Each structure stands twice: as structure tokens, then as C-alpha cells.
């Protein structure tokens, strides 16, 4: 479930360890969260990790390039 946690500056998202997140059609799982954003690992077993700031995640949700 995608949970939105509002803050005065920008929305914050809460992804669980079993949540699949599609970013530009690529499947990820959240592995770490900080005040800056999330680290996602691809689910294709390549071990590729990418970090996304909360502002970028919010923008991707708004423009439809992030699916949960």
C-alpha cells in the first residue's frame, strides 16, 4: 500500500519491504529509507541499487512514472 505522509515541505512516502515499485517500467523493492529519500534495488536479480530523493519520488507520482 502506498502511504502518503504529509510534511510542510513535500510529501513523504512509506514503502514496505514487500512493496513493488515500478519506476519507468522497472521493478524495484525498497531497501533503505532516510530523511533524504529511498534506496531501491531492482527485482531482476542484477543487484542494481538506485537512490531517489523524496522530491523526485513525489514528482514521479505526480507525472505517472511511478507505480505502486
C-alpha atoms as a PDB file:
ATOM      1  CA  UNK A   1       0.000   0.000   0.000  1.00  0.00           C
ATOM      2  CA  UNK A   2       1.292   3.447  -0.863  1.00  0.00           C
ATOM      3  CA  UNK A   3       1.038   5.710   2.168  1.00  0.00           C
ATOM      4  CA  UNK A   4       1.437   9.435   1.888  1.00  0.00           C
ATOM      5  CA  UNK A   5       2.905  11.201   4.893  1.00  0.00           C
ATOM      6  CA  UNK A   6       2.472  14.938   4.533  1.00  0.00           C
ATOM      7  CA  UNK A   7       5.122  17.370   5.645  1.00  0.00           C
ATOM      8  CA  UNK A   8       5.366  21.143   5.386  1.00  0.00           C
ATOM      9  CA  UNK A   9       7.963  20.821   2.617  1.00  0.00           C
ATOM     10  CA  UNK A  10       6.916  17.884   0.447  1.00  0.00           C
ATOM     11  CA  UNK A  11       5.058  14.572   0.593  1.00  0.00           C
ATOM     12  CA  UNK A  12       6.885  11.591   2.052  1.00  0.00           C
ATOM     13  CA  UNK A  13       6.096   8.054   1.004  1.00  0.00           C
ATOM     14  CA  UNK A  14       6.180   4.859   3.038  1.00  0.00           C
ATOM     15  CA  UNK A  15       7.119   1.726   1.107  1.00  0.00           C
ATOM     16  CA  UNK A  16       7.278  -1.655   2.834  1.00  0.00           C
ATOM     17  CA  UNK A  17       9.855  -4.358   2.172  1.00  0.00           C
ATOM     18  CA  UNK A  18       7.351  -6.392   0.131  1.00  0.00           C
ATOM     19  CA  UNK A  19       6.034  -3.482  -1.939  1.00  0.00           C
ATOM     20  CA  UNK A  20       6.877  -3.485  -5.621  1.00  0.00           C
ATOM     21  CA  UNK A  21       7.552  -0.066  -7.079  1.00  0.00           C
ATOM     22  CA  UNK A  22       7.693   0.457 -10.839  1.00  0.00           C
ATOM     23  CA  UNK A  23       9.754   3.433 -11.959  1.00  0.00           C
ATOM     24  CA  UNK A  24       9.716   3.972 -15.716  1.00  0.00           C
ATOM     25  CA  UNK A  25       8.552   0.367 -16.033  1.00  0.00           C
ATOM     26  CA  UNK A  26      11.477  -1.058 -13.999  1.00  0.00           C
ATOM     27  CA  UNK A  27      10.558  -3.146 -10.939  1.00  0.00           C
ATOM     28  CA  UNK A  28      12.170  -2.233  -7.599  1.00  0.00           C
ATOM     29  CA  UNK A  29      11.893  -3.047  -3.886  1.00  0.00           C
ATOM     30  CA  UNK A  30      12.728  -0.506  -1.190  1.00  0.00           C
ATOM     31  CA  UNK A  31      15.749  -1.497   0.881  1.00  0.00           C
ATOM     32  CA  UNK A  32      16.509   1.651   2.859  1.00  0.00           C
ATOM     33  CA  UNK A  33      14.815   4.909   3.791  1.00  0.00           C
ATOM     34  CA  UNK A  34      16.268   8.102   5.234  1.00  0.00           C
ATOM     35  CA  UNK A  35      15.213  11.709   5.658  1.00  0.00           C
ATOM     36  CA  UNK A  36      16.622  12.283   2.168  1.00  0.00           C
ATOM     37  CA  UNK A  37      14.770   9.545   0.279  1.00  0.00           C
ATOM     38  CA  UNK A  38      14.748   5.842  -0.568  1.00  0.00           C
ATOM     39  CA  UNK A  39      17.215   3.298  -1.876  1.00  0.00           C
ATOM     40  CA  UNK A  40      15.582   0.794  -4.224  1.00  0.00           C
ATOM     41  CA  UNK A  41      17.043  -2.463  -5.561  1.00  0.00           C
ATOM     42  CA  UNK A  42      15.913  -3.864  -8.898  1.00  0.00           C
ATOM     43  CA  UNK A  43      13.965  -7.111  -8.666  1.00  0.00           C
ATOM     44  CA  UNK A  44      15.619  -8.576 -11.782  1.00  0.00           C
ATOM     45  CA  UNK A  45      18.373 -10.161  -9.585  1.00  0.00           C
ATOM     46  CA  UNK A  46      21.112  -7.960 -11.033  1.00  0.00           C
ATOM     47  CA  UNK A  47      21.682  -6.299  -7.652  1.00  0.00           C
ATOM     48  CA  UNK A  48      21.466  -2.791  -9.083  1.00  0.00           C
ATOM     49  CA  UNK A  49      20.541  -0.218  -6.438  1.00  0.00           C
ATOM     50  CA  UNK A  50      19.418   3.358  -7.046  1.00  0.00           C
ATOM     51  CA  UNK A  51      18.564   6.147  -4.651  1.00  0.00           C
ATOM     52  CA  UNK A  52      15.686   8.557  -5.173  1.00  0.00           C
ATOM     53  CA  UNK A  53      15.128  11.714  -3.111  1.00  0.00           C
ATOM     54  CA  UNK A  54      11.601  12.253  -1.747  1.00  0.00           C
ATOM     55  CA  UNK A  55      11.138  15.236  -4.101  1.00  0.00           C
ATOM     56  CA  UNK A  56      11.903  13.068  -7.158  1.00  0.00           C
ATOM     57  CA  UNK A  57       9.519  10.333  -5.969  1.00  0.00           C
ATOM     58  CA  UNK A  58       6.794  12.932  -5.455  1.00  0.00           C
ATOM     59  CA  UNK A  59       7.366  14.326  -8.939  1.00  0.00           C
ATOM     60  CA  UNK A  60       7.259  10.842 -10.484  1.00  0.00           C
ATOM     61  CA  UNK A  61       3.970  10.056  -8.725  1.00  0.00           C
ATOM     62  CA  UNK A  62       2.518  13.328  -9.999  1.00  0.00           C
ATOM     63  CA  UNK A  63       3.551  12.696 -13.608  1.00  0.00           C
ATOM     64  CA  UNK A  64       2.635   8.996 -13.591  1.00  0.00           C
ATOM     65  CA  UNK A  65       6.111   7.457 -13.978  1.00  0.00           C
ATOM     66  CA  UNK A  66       5.983   5.714 -10.572  1.00  0.00           C
ATOM     67  CA  UNK A  67       3.512   2.904  -9.938  1.00  0.00           C
ATOM     68  CA  UNK A  68       2.956   1.053  -6.704  1.00  0.00           C
END
